[in-house]
């Protein structure tokens, strides 16, 4: 037993001596930050759905269409469902912000809120908003309050609201 212990000590000392002779430069690595800012990626039809699975909206996303540098997003509500316009603005702002900050090749966002109806009548357009990268870049800080988002969207982007929205949909 003592012989094996002495042999183990001798082998480990020899191993430590040999490792100390190895040049240190080969073992050095640069330190990498654990949390690095993500780099914008290129939006394509193949990875478009990956981005939209991480986004939460107040109303259901019905359709997404990618056409070169433009993306079309349709949200849908059921007939008779109450829709609050500030939440529509918030959904639009959050989607546009994510699309412009997480990608580098999306230049326009077209956003529509539709009322779903039967197949014969089709869907009815309630609200339409559009923006481009330059218009959205005017806001340097990320807005989180509903009132701030509503004011920014109303003052910065062209908005089309159908009169039917005020008559039947909004509370």
N, C-alpha and C. Protein backbone atom coordinates (compact mmCIF):
# COMPACT_ATOMS: atom_id res chain seq x y z
N UNK A 1 0.80 -1.19 0.00
CA UNK A 1 0.00 0.00 0.00
C UNK A 1 0.86 1.27 0.00
N UNK A 2 1.89 1.39 0.89
CA UNK A 2 2.73 2.58 0.87
C UNK A 2 3.49 2.72 -0.45
N UNK A 3 3.86 1.58 -1.07
CA UNK A 3 4.58 1.66 -2.32
C UNK A 3 3.71 2.28 -3.41
N UNK A 4 2.45 1.87 -3.45
CA UNK A 4 1.53 2.42 -4.46
C UNK A 4 1.27 3.91 -4.23
N UNK A 5 1.20 4.28 -2.99
CA UNK A 5 0.99 5.70 -2.67
C UNK A 5 2.21 6.51 -3.11
N UNK A 6 3.40 6.01 -2.82
CA UNK A 6 4.61 6.72 -3.25
C UNK A 6 4.73 6.75 -4.77
N UNK A 7 4.33 5.67 -5.43
CA UNK A 7 4.37 5.63 -6.88
C UNK A 7 3.38 6.64 -7.47
N UNK A 8 2.18 6.76 -6.89
CA UNK A 8 1.18 7.71 -7.37
C UNK A 8 1.66 9.14 -7.17
N UNK A 9 2.29 9.42 -6.04
CA UNK A 9 2.83 10.75 -5.79
C UNK A 9 3.94 11.07 -6.78
N UNK A 10 4.80 10.13 -7.06
CA UNK A 10 5.90 10.35 -8.00
C UNK A 10 5.38 10.59 -9.42
N UNK A 11 4.40 9.80 -9.84
CA UNK A 11 3.85 9.95 -11.19
C UNK A 11 3.13 11.29 -11.33
N UNK A 12 2.36 11.67 -10.33
CA UNK A 12 1.64 12.95 -10.41
C UNK A 12 2.62 14.12 -10.36
N UNK A 13 3.71 14.01 -9.60
CA UNK A 13 4.72 15.08 -9.58
C UNK A 13 5.41 15.19 -10.92
N UNK A 14 5.74 14.07 -11.54
CA UNK A 14 6.36 14.06 -12.86
C UNK A 14 5.41 14.67 -13.89
N UNK A 15 4.15 14.30 -13.82
CA UNK A 15 3.16 14.85 -14.75
C UNK A 15 3.01 16.36 -14.57
N UNK A 16 2.99 16.84 -13.33
CA UNK A 16 2.91 18.28 -13.07
C UNK A 16 4.15 18.99 -13.60
N UNK A 17 5.34 18.39 -13.44
CA UNK A 17 6.57 18.98 -13.96
C UNK A 17 6.54 19.07 -15.48
N UNK A 18 6.07 18.01 -16.14
CA UNK A 18 5.99 18.02 -17.61
C UNK A 18 4.99 19.05 -18.11
N UNK A 19 3.86 19.20 -17.42
CA UNK A 19 2.87 20.19 -17.84
C UNK A 19 3.37 21.61 -17.64
N UNK A 20 4.24 21.81 -16.66
CA UNK A 20 4.77 23.16 -16.44
C UNK A 20 5.77 23.55 -17.53
N UNK A 21 6.32 22.60 -18.26
CA UNK A 21 7.26 22.89 -19.33
C UNK A 21 6.57 23.24 -20.65
N UNK A 22 5.27 22.95 -20.75
CA UNK A 22 4.54 23.25 -21.99
C UNK A 22 4.38 24.77 -22.10
N UNK A 23 4.63 25.34 -23.29
CA UNK A 23 4.49 26.79 -23.45
C UNK A 23 3.06 27.25 -23.12
N UNK A 24 2.99 28.36 -22.42
CA UNK A 24 1.70 28.87 -21.93
C UNK A 24 0.91 29.52 -23.06
N UNK A 25 1.56 30.07 -24.05
CA UNK A 25 0.86 30.80 -25.11
C UNK A 25 -0.15 29.94 -25.85
N UNK A 26 0.12 28.67 -25.97
CA UNK A 26 -0.80 27.79 -26.68
C UNK A 26 -2.10 27.58 -25.90
N UNK A 27 -2.06 27.72 -24.61
CA UNK A 27 -3.23 27.46 -23.77
C UNK A 27 -4.08 28.71 -23.54
N UNK A 28 -3.51 29.86 -23.83
CA UNK A 28 -4.26 31.10 -23.58
C UNK A 28 -5.38 31.24 -24.60
N UNK A 29 -6.52 31.68 -24.11
CA UNK A 29 -7.65 31.99 -24.97
C UNK A 29 -8.17 33.35 -24.58
N UNK A 30 -8.79 34.01 -25.53
CA UNK A 30 -9.37 35.31 -25.20
C UNK A 30 -10.66 35.10 -24.43
N UNK A 31 -10.92 36.02 -23.54
CA UNK A 31 -12.15 35.96 -22.76
C UNK A 31 -13.32 36.42 -23.60
N UNK A 32 -14.40 35.67 -23.56
CA UNK A 32 -15.61 36.02 -24.28
C UNK A 32 -16.70 36.36 -23.27
N UNK A 33 -17.43 37.40 -23.57
CA UNK A 33 -18.54 37.77 -22.70
C UNK A 33 -19.63 36.71 -22.76
N UNK A 34 -20.23 36.44 -21.64
CA UNK A 34 -21.28 35.43 -21.60
C UNK A 34 -22.51 35.89 -22.36
N UNK A 35 -22.92 37.13 -22.13
CA UNK A 35 -24.08 37.68 -22.80
C UNK A 35 -23.62 38.71 -23.82
N UNK A 36 -23.66 38.34 -25.08
CA UNK A 36 -23.25 39.24 -26.14
C UNK A 36 -24.49 39.72 -26.87
N UNK A 37 -24.47 40.96 -27.36
CA UNK A 37 -25.61 41.42 -28.15
C UNK A 37 -25.72 40.59 -29.41
N UNK A 38 -26.94 40.23 -29.74
CA UNK A 38 -27.12 39.41 -30.93
C UNK A 38 -26.98 40.27 -32.18
N UNK A 39 -26.47 39.67 -33.20
CA UNK A 39 -26.29 40.36 -34.46
C UNK A 39 -27.57 40.24 -35.28
N UNK A 40 -27.97 41.30 -35.97
CA UNK A 40 -29.15 41.19 -36.84
C UNK A 40 -28.93 40.10 -37.89
N UNK A 41 -30.00 39.40 -38.21
CA UNK A 41 -29.90 38.33 -39.19
C UNK A 41 -30.69 38.70 -40.44
N UNK A 42 -30.49 37.93 -41.48
CA UNK A 42 -31.17 38.16 -42.74
C UNK A 42 -32.51 37.43 -42.73
N UNK A 43 -33.60 38.17 -42.92
CA UNK A 43 -34.93 37.58 -42.95
C UNK A 43 -35.15 36.90 -44.29
N UNK A 44 -35.62 35.67 -44.24
CA UNK A 44 -35.99 34.92 -45.43
C UNK A 44 -37.31 34.23 -45.17
N UNK A 45 -37.87 33.63 -46.18
CA UNK A 45 -39.12 32.89 -45.99
C UNK A 45 -38.91 31.69 -45.07
N UNK A 46 -37.72 31.15 -45.06
CA UNK A 46 -37.44 29.96 -44.24
C UNK A 46 -37.34 30.27 -42.75
N UNK A 47 -36.76 31.41 -42.39
CA UNK A 47 -36.58 31.71 -40.97
C UNK A 47 -37.57 32.73 -40.43
N UNK A 48 -38.50 33.17 -41.26
CA UNK A 48 -39.47 34.18 -40.86
C UNK A 48 -40.33 33.70 -39.70
N UNK A 49 -40.75 32.47 -39.73
CA UNK A 49 -41.63 31.95 -38.69
C UNK A 49 -40.92 31.85 -37.35
N UNK A 50 -39.61 31.64 -37.35
CA UNK A 50 -38.85 31.56 -36.11
C UNK A 50 -38.96 32.87 -35.31
N UNK A 51 -38.92 33.99 -35.99
CA UNK A 51 -39.01 35.27 -35.32
C UNK A 51 -40.41 35.49 -34.74
N UNK A 52 -41.43 35.11 -35.48
CA UNK A 52 -42.79 35.38 -35.03
C UNK A 52 -43.26 34.43 -33.93
N UNK A 53 -42.58 33.35 -33.71
CA UNK A 53 -42.95 32.47 -32.59
C UNK A 53 -42.53 33.08 -31.25
N UNK A 54 -41.61 34.01 -31.26
CA UNK A 54 -41.16 34.64 -30.02
C UNK A 54 -41.94 35.91 -29.69
N UNK A 55 -42.75 36.39 -30.63
CA UNK A 55 -43.48 37.64 -30.45
C UNK A 55 -44.88 37.33 -29.91
N UNK A 56 -45.28 38.08 -28.88
CA UNK A 56 -46.64 37.91 -28.38
C UNK A 56 -47.46 39.14 -28.76
N UNK A 57 -48.70 38.90 -29.17
CA UNK A 57 -49.60 39.98 -29.57
C UNK A 57 -50.92 39.83 -28.82
N UNK A 58 -51.66 40.91 -28.74
CA UNK A 58 -52.97 40.88 -28.08
C UNK A 58 -54.00 40.14 -28.92
N UNK A 59 -53.82 40.18 -30.23
CA UNK A 59 -54.77 39.57 -31.16
C UNK A 59 -54.02 38.54 -32.00
N UNK A 60 -54.74 37.56 -32.51
CA UNK A 60 -54.13 36.43 -33.21
C UNK A 60 -53.52 36.85 -34.55
N UNK A 61 -52.33 36.34 -34.81
CA UNK A 61 -51.68 36.56 -36.10
C UNK A 61 -52.31 35.59 -37.08
N UNK A 62 -52.87 36.12 -38.15
CA UNK A 62 -53.55 35.29 -39.15
C UNK A 62 -52.63 34.94 -40.31
N UNK A 63 -51.86 35.91 -40.77
CA UNK A 63 -51.05 35.68 -41.97
C UNK A 63 -49.80 36.54 -41.92
N UNK A 64 -48.72 35.98 -42.43
CA UNK A 64 -47.46 36.71 -42.57
C UNK A 64 -46.97 36.47 -43.99
N UNK A 65 -46.60 37.53 -44.64
CA UNK A 65 -46.11 37.40 -46.02
C UNK A 65 -44.81 38.18 -46.15
N UNK A 66 -43.81 37.54 -46.72
CA UNK A 66 -42.51 38.17 -46.95
C UNK A 66 -42.37 38.41 -48.44
N UNK A 67 -42.12 39.66 -48.82
CA UNK A 67 -41.95 40.01 -50.23
C UNK A 67 -40.73 40.91 -50.35
N UNK A 68 -39.60 40.32 -50.67
CA UNK A 68 -38.31 41.00 -50.78
C UNK A 68 -38.00 41.74 -49.47
N UNK A 69 -38.05 43.05 -49.45
CA UNK A 69 -37.67 43.78 -48.24
C UNK A 69 -38.90 44.24 -47.45
N UNK A 70 -40.06 43.73 -47.79
CA UNK A 70 -41.30 44.12 -47.11
C UNK A 70 -41.94 42.92 -46.45
N UNK A 71 -42.54 43.16 -45.30
CA UNK A 71 -43.24 42.10 -44.60
C UNK A 71 -44.66 42.58 -44.31
N UNK A 72 -45.62 41.71 -44.55
CA UNK A 72 -47.03 42.00 -44.36
C UNK A 72 -47.53 41.12 -43.22
N UNK A 73 -48.11 41.75 -42.21
CA UNK A 73 -48.60 41.03 -41.04
C UNK A 73 -50.09 41.33 -40.88
N UNK A 74 -50.90 40.27 -40.86
CA UNK A 74 -52.34 40.42 -40.65
C UNK A 74 -52.71 39.81 -39.31
N UNK A 75 -53.39 40.60 -38.48
CA UNK A 75 -53.96 40.11 -37.23
C UNK A 75 -55.47 40.01 -37.44
N UNK A 76 -56.10 39.06 -36.78
CA UNK A 76 -57.52 38.85 -36.99
C UNK A 76 -58.26 38.80 -35.65
N UNK A 77 -59.48 39.33 -35.68
CA UNK A 77 -60.39 39.26 -34.53
C UNK A 77 -61.69 38.63 -35.00
N UNK A 78 -62.40 38.04 -34.08
CA UNK A 78 -63.69 37.43 -34.38
C UNK A 78 -64.77 38.51 -34.44
N UNK A 79 -65.85 38.28 -35.18
CA UNK A 79 -66.94 39.26 -35.22
C UNK A 79 -67.49 39.48 -33.81
N UNK A 80 -67.68 40.73 -33.47
CA UNK A 80 -68.22 41.06 -32.17
C UNK A 80 -67.20 41.13 -31.05
N UNK A 81 -65.96 40.75 -31.31
CA UNK A 81 -64.92 40.81 -30.29
C UNK A 81 -64.53 42.26 -30.05
N UNK A 82 -64.42 42.66 -28.80
CA UNK A 82 -64.00 44.02 -28.47
C UNK A 82 -62.51 44.18 -28.75
N UNK A 83 -62.18 45.26 -29.42
CA UNK A 83 -60.80 45.55 -29.76
C UNK A 83 -60.47 46.94 -29.23
N UNK A 84 -59.37 47.03 -28.53
CA UNK A 84 -58.94 48.31 -28.02
C UNK A 84 -57.81 48.84 -28.89
N UNK A 85 -58.01 50.03 -29.43
CA UNK A 85 -57.05 50.62 -30.36
C UNK A 85 -55.65 50.78 -29.76
N UNK A 86 -55.50 51.17 -28.48
CA UNK A 86 -54.14 51.25 -27.92
C UNK A 86 -53.40 49.90 -27.97
N UNK A 87 -54.11 48.79 -27.82
CA UNK A 87 -53.47 47.48 -27.92
C UNK A 87 -53.06 47.17 -29.36
N UNK A 88 -53.83 47.65 -30.31
CA UNK A 88 -53.47 47.48 -31.73
C UNK A 88 -52.18 48.24 -32.00
N UNK A 89 -52.11 49.47 -31.50
CA UNK A 89 -50.89 50.27 -31.68
C UNK A 89 -49.69 49.59 -31.00
N UNK A 90 -49.92 49.03 -29.84
CA UNK A 90 -48.84 48.36 -29.12
C UNK A 90 -48.35 47.13 -29.88
N UNK A 91 -49.28 46.34 -30.42
CA UNK A 91 -48.88 45.18 -31.22
C UNK A 91 -48.07 45.61 -32.44
N UNK A 92 -48.53 46.66 -33.13
CA UNK A 92 -47.81 47.15 -34.30
C UNK A 92 -46.41 47.62 -33.92
N UNK A 93 -46.32 48.43 -32.87
CA UNK A 93 -45.03 48.98 -32.47
C UNK A 93 -44.05 47.87 -32.08
N UNK A 94 -44.52 46.91 -31.29
CA UNK A 94 -43.63 45.82 -30.86
C UNK A 94 -43.18 44.97 -32.02
N UNK A 95 -44.09 44.66 -32.95
CA UNK A 95 -43.69 43.88 -34.12
C UNK A 95 -42.69 44.64 -34.98
N UNK A 96 -42.98 45.91 -35.25
CA UNK A 96 -42.06 46.70 -36.08
C UNK A 96 -40.70 46.85 -35.41
N UNK A 97 -40.71 47.11 -34.11
CA UNK A 97 -39.44 47.26 -33.39
C UNK A 97 -38.62 45.97 -33.47
N UNK A 98 -39.25 44.83 -33.24
CA UNK A 98 -38.52 43.56 -33.32
C UNK A 98 -38.01 43.30 -34.73
N UNK A 99 -38.84 43.56 -35.73
CA UNK A 99 -38.42 43.32 -37.11
C UNK A 99 -37.24 44.20 -37.52
N UNK A 100 -37.25 45.45 -37.09
CA UNK A 100 -36.17 46.36 -37.48
C UNK A 100 -34.91 46.16 -36.65
N UNK A 101 -35.05 45.75 -35.40
CA UNK A 101 -33.86 45.60 -34.56
C UNK A 101 -33.22 44.21 -34.69
N UNK A 102 -34.00 43.19 -35.01
CA UNK A 102 -33.46 41.83 -35.09
C UNK A 102 -33.06 41.41 -36.50
N UNK A 103 -33.46 42.17 -37.51
CA UNK A 103 -33.09 41.85 -38.89
C UNK A 103 -32.42 43.07 -39.51
N UNK A 104 -31.73 42.84 -40.60
CA UNK A 104 -31.11 43.97 -41.28
C UNK A 104 -31.67 44.18 -42.68
N UNK A 105 -32.51 43.28 -43.16
CA UNK A 105 -33.00 43.42 -44.52
C UNK A 105 -34.51 43.68 -44.62
N UNK A 106 -35.18 43.93 -43.51
CA UNK A 106 -36.59 44.33 -43.55
C UNK A 106 -36.62 45.84 -43.62
N UNK A 107 -37.23 46.38 -44.68
CA UNK A 107 -37.28 47.83 -44.85
C UNK A 107 -38.67 48.42 -44.65
N UNK A 108 -39.72 47.63 -44.91
CA UNK A 108 -41.08 48.10 -44.72
C UNK A 108 -41.89 47.06 -43.96
N UNK A 109 -42.80 47.56 -43.11
CA UNK A 109 -43.73 46.70 -42.39
C UNK A 109 -45.13 47.21 -42.68
N UNK A 110 -45.98 46.31 -43.18
CA UNK A 110 -47.38 46.61 -43.44
C UNK A 110 -48.20 45.78 -42.46
N UNK A 111 -49.00 46.45 -41.68
CA UNK A 111 -49.71 45.83 -40.56
C UNK A 111 -51.20 46.06 -40.76
N UNK A 112 -51.99 44.99 -40.65
CA UNK A 112 -53.45 45.13 -40.79
C UNK A 112 -54.14 44.35 -39.69
N UNK A 113 -55.26 44.91 -39.22
CA UNK A 113 -56.14 44.21 -38.30
C UNK A 113 -57.42 43.95 -39.06
N UNK A 114 -57.80 42.68 -39.14
CA UNK A 114 -58.96 42.27 -39.92
C UNK A 114 -60.01 41.64 -39.01
N UNK A 115 -61.26 41.78 -39.42
CA UNK A 115 -62.33 41.06 -38.75
C UNK A 115 -62.64 39.82 -39.60
N UNK A 116 -62.51 38.66 -38.99
CA UNK A 116 -62.79 37.42 -39.71
C UNK A 116 -64.29 37.28 -39.90
N UNK A 117 -64.67 36.81 -41.07
CA UNK A 117 -66.07 36.51 -41.32
C UNK A 117 -66.14 35.26 -42.18
N UNK A 118 -67.32 34.89 -42.61
CA UNK A 118 -67.45 33.65 -43.37
C UNK A 118 -66.74 33.76 -44.72
N UNK A 119 -66.60 32.65 -45.39
CA UNK A 119 -65.83 32.59 -46.63
C UNK A 119 -66.46 33.42 -47.75
N UNK A 120 -67.77 33.57 -47.77
CA UNK A 120 -68.42 34.30 -48.85
C UNK A 120 -68.17 35.79 -48.78
N UNK A 121 -68.17 36.35 -47.59
CA UNK A 121 -67.99 37.79 -47.45
C UNK A 121 -66.53 38.20 -47.35
N UNK A 122 -65.66 37.32 -47.00
CA UNK A 122 -64.25 37.65 -46.84
C UNK A 122 -63.99 38.34 -45.52
N UNK A 123 -62.79 38.88 -45.37
CA UNK A 123 -62.42 39.57 -44.14
C UNK A 123 -62.57 41.07 -44.33
N UNK A 124 -62.90 41.76 -43.26
CA UNK A 124 -63.09 43.20 -43.32
C UNK A 124 -61.90 43.89 -42.68
N UNK A 125 -61.32 44.85 -43.40
CA UNK A 125 -60.18 45.62 -42.90
C UNK A 125 -60.65 46.61 -41.86
N UNK A 126 -60.05 46.56 -40.66
CA UNK A 126 -60.41 47.48 -39.58
C UNK A 126 -59.37 48.59 -39.43
N UNK A 127 -58.11 48.19 -39.33
CA UNK A 127 -57.02 49.15 -39.12
C UNK A 127 -55.85 48.74 -40.00
N UNK A 128 -55.22 49.72 -40.62
CA UNK A 128 -54.02 49.47 -41.42
C UNK A 128 -52.96 50.51 -41.04
N UNK A 129 -51.76 50.04 -40.78
CA UNK A 129 -50.64 50.91 -40.42
C UNK A 129 -49.43 50.45 -41.21
N UNK A 130 -48.61 51.38 -41.64
CA UNK A 130 -47.38 51.00 -42.33
C UNK A 130 -46.24 51.86 -41.84
N UNK A 131 -45.05 51.31 -41.96
CA UNK A 131 -43.85 52.05 -41.57
C UNK A 131 -42.67 51.54 -42.39
N UNK A 132 -41.62 52.32 -42.36
CA UNK A 132 -40.36 51.86 -42.95
C UNK A 132 -39.26 52.05 -41.92
N UNK A 133 -38.11 51.54 -42.24
CA UNK A 133 -36.99 51.54 -41.29
C UNK A 133 -36.60 52.97 -40.86
N UNK A 134 -36.59 53.91 -41.79
CA UNK A 134 -36.18 55.27 -41.47
C UNK A 134 -37.19 55.95 -40.54
N UNK A 135 -38.48 55.75 -40.79
CA UNK A 135 -39.51 56.37 -39.95
C UNK A 135 -39.47 55.80 -38.53
N UNK A 136 -39.24 54.53 -38.43
CA UNK A 136 -39.23 53.89 -37.11
C UNK A 136 -37.95 54.24 -36.34
N UNK A 137 -36.89 54.56 -37.06
CA UNK A 137 -35.61 54.87 -36.40
C UNK A 137 -35.63 56.23 -35.71
N UNK A 138 -36.67 57.03 -35.92
CA UNK A 138 -36.75 58.33 -35.25
C UNK A 138 -36.83 58.17 -33.74
N UNK A 139 -37.41 57.08 -33.29
CA UNK A 139 -37.53 56.82 -31.86
C UNK A 139 -36.29 56.04 -31.42
N UNK A 140 -35.43 56.68 -30.64
CA UNK A 140 -34.16 56.05 -30.27
C UNK A 140 -34.31 55.10 -29.09
N UNK A 141 -35.19 55.43 -28.15
CA UNK A 141 -35.35 54.55 -26.99
C UNK A 141 -36.57 53.66 -27.18
N UNK A 142 -36.55 52.52 -26.53
CA UNK A 142 -37.65 51.57 -26.64
C UNK A 142 -38.78 52.03 -25.73
N UNK A 143 -39.96 52.15 -26.29
CA UNK A 143 -41.13 52.57 -25.52
C UNK A 143 -41.81 51.36 -24.91
N UNK A 144 -42.30 51.51 -23.68
CA UNK A 144 -42.97 50.40 -23.02
C UNK A 144 -44.38 50.76 -22.55
N UNK A 145 -44.62 52.02 -22.27
CA UNK A 145 -45.93 52.44 -21.78
C UNK A 145 -46.91 52.54 -22.94
N UNK A 146 -48.14 52.09 -22.71
CA UNK A 146 -49.17 52.07 -23.76
C UNK A 146 -49.45 53.48 -24.27
N UNK A 147 -49.51 54.46 -23.39
CA UNK A 147 -49.79 55.83 -23.80
C UNK A 147 -48.67 56.41 -24.66
N UNK A 148 -47.43 56.12 -24.31
CA UNK A 148 -46.29 56.59 -25.11
C UNK A 148 -46.30 55.97 -26.49
N UNK A 149 -46.57 54.67 -26.55
CA UNK A 149 -46.61 53.96 -27.83
C UNK A 149 -47.73 54.51 -28.70
N UNK A 150 -48.90 54.71 -28.10
CA UNK A 150 -50.05 55.23 -28.85
C UNK A 150 -49.73 56.60 -29.45
N UNK A 151 -49.15 57.49 -28.67
CA UNK A 151 -48.79 58.81 -29.16
C UNK A 151 -47.75 58.76 -30.26
N UNK A 152 -46.75 57.92 -30.09
CA UNK A 152 -45.69 57.80 -31.10
C UNK A 152 -46.24 57.26 -32.42
N UNK A 153 -47.06 56.22 -32.34
CA UNK A 153 -47.62 55.62 -33.56
C UNK A 153 -48.55 56.60 -34.26
N UNK A 154 -49.42 57.26 -33.52
CA UNK A 154 -50.36 58.22 -34.13
C UNK A 154 -49.63 59.36 -34.83
N UNK A 155 -48.54 59.84 -34.23
CA UNK A 155 -47.84 61.00 -34.77
C UNK A 155 -46.79 60.66 -35.81
N UNK A 156 -46.43 59.40 -35.95
CA UNK A 156 -45.30 59.06 -36.81
C UNK A 156 -45.66 58.27 -38.07
N UNK A 157 -46.76 57.56 -38.06
CA UNK A 157 -47.03 56.64 -39.15
C UNK A 157 -48.41 56.89 -39.76
N UNK A 158 -48.56 56.61 -41.07
CA UNK A 158 -49.89 56.71 -41.67
C UNK A 158 -50.79 55.57 -41.16
N UNK A 159 -51.97 55.95 -40.68
CA UNK A 159 -52.90 54.98 -40.11
C UNK A 159 -54.24 55.14 -40.83
N UNK A 160 -54.83 54.02 -41.19
CA UNK A 160 -56.16 54.03 -41.79
C UNK A 160 -57.08 53.23 -40.88
N UNK A 161 -58.13 53.88 -40.38
CA UNK A 161 -59.09 53.21 -39.51
C UNK A 161 -60.45 53.27 -40.18
N UNK A 162 -61.05 52.12 -40.40
CA UNK A 162 -62.37 52.04 -41.02
C UNK A 162 -63.42 52.57 -40.04
N UNK A 163 -64.39 53.35 -40.51
CA UNK A 163 -65.45 53.83 -39.60
C UNK A 163 -66.20 52.69 -38.91
N UNK A 164 -66.27 51.54 -39.56
CA UNK A 164 -66.92 50.36 -38.96
C UNK A 164 -66.23 49.99 -37.65
N UNK A 165 -64.94 50.24 -37.54
CA UNK A 165 -64.20 49.92 -36.33
C UNK A 165 -64.79 50.65 -35.13
N UNK A 166 -65.07 51.93 -35.30
CA UNK A 166 -65.62 52.72 -34.19
C UNK A 166 -67.07 52.35 -33.90
N UNK A 167 -67.83 51.99 -34.94
CA UNK A 167 -69.25 51.67 -34.76
C UNK A 167 -69.46 50.33 -34.06
N UNK A 168 -68.69 49.31 -34.44
CA UNK A 168 -69.02 47.97 -34.03
C UNK A 168 -67.96 47.25 -33.19
N UNK A 169 -66.71 47.60 -33.38
CA UNK A 169 -65.64 46.79 -32.78
C UNK A 169 -65.11 47.38 -31.49
N UNK A 170 -64.80 48.66 -31.48
CA UNK A 170 -64.15 49.23 -30.30
C UNK A 170 -65.14 49.33 -29.15
N UNK A 171 -64.63 49.21 -27.91
CA UNK A 171 -65.53 49.25 -26.76
C UNK A 171 -66.05 50.66 -26.48
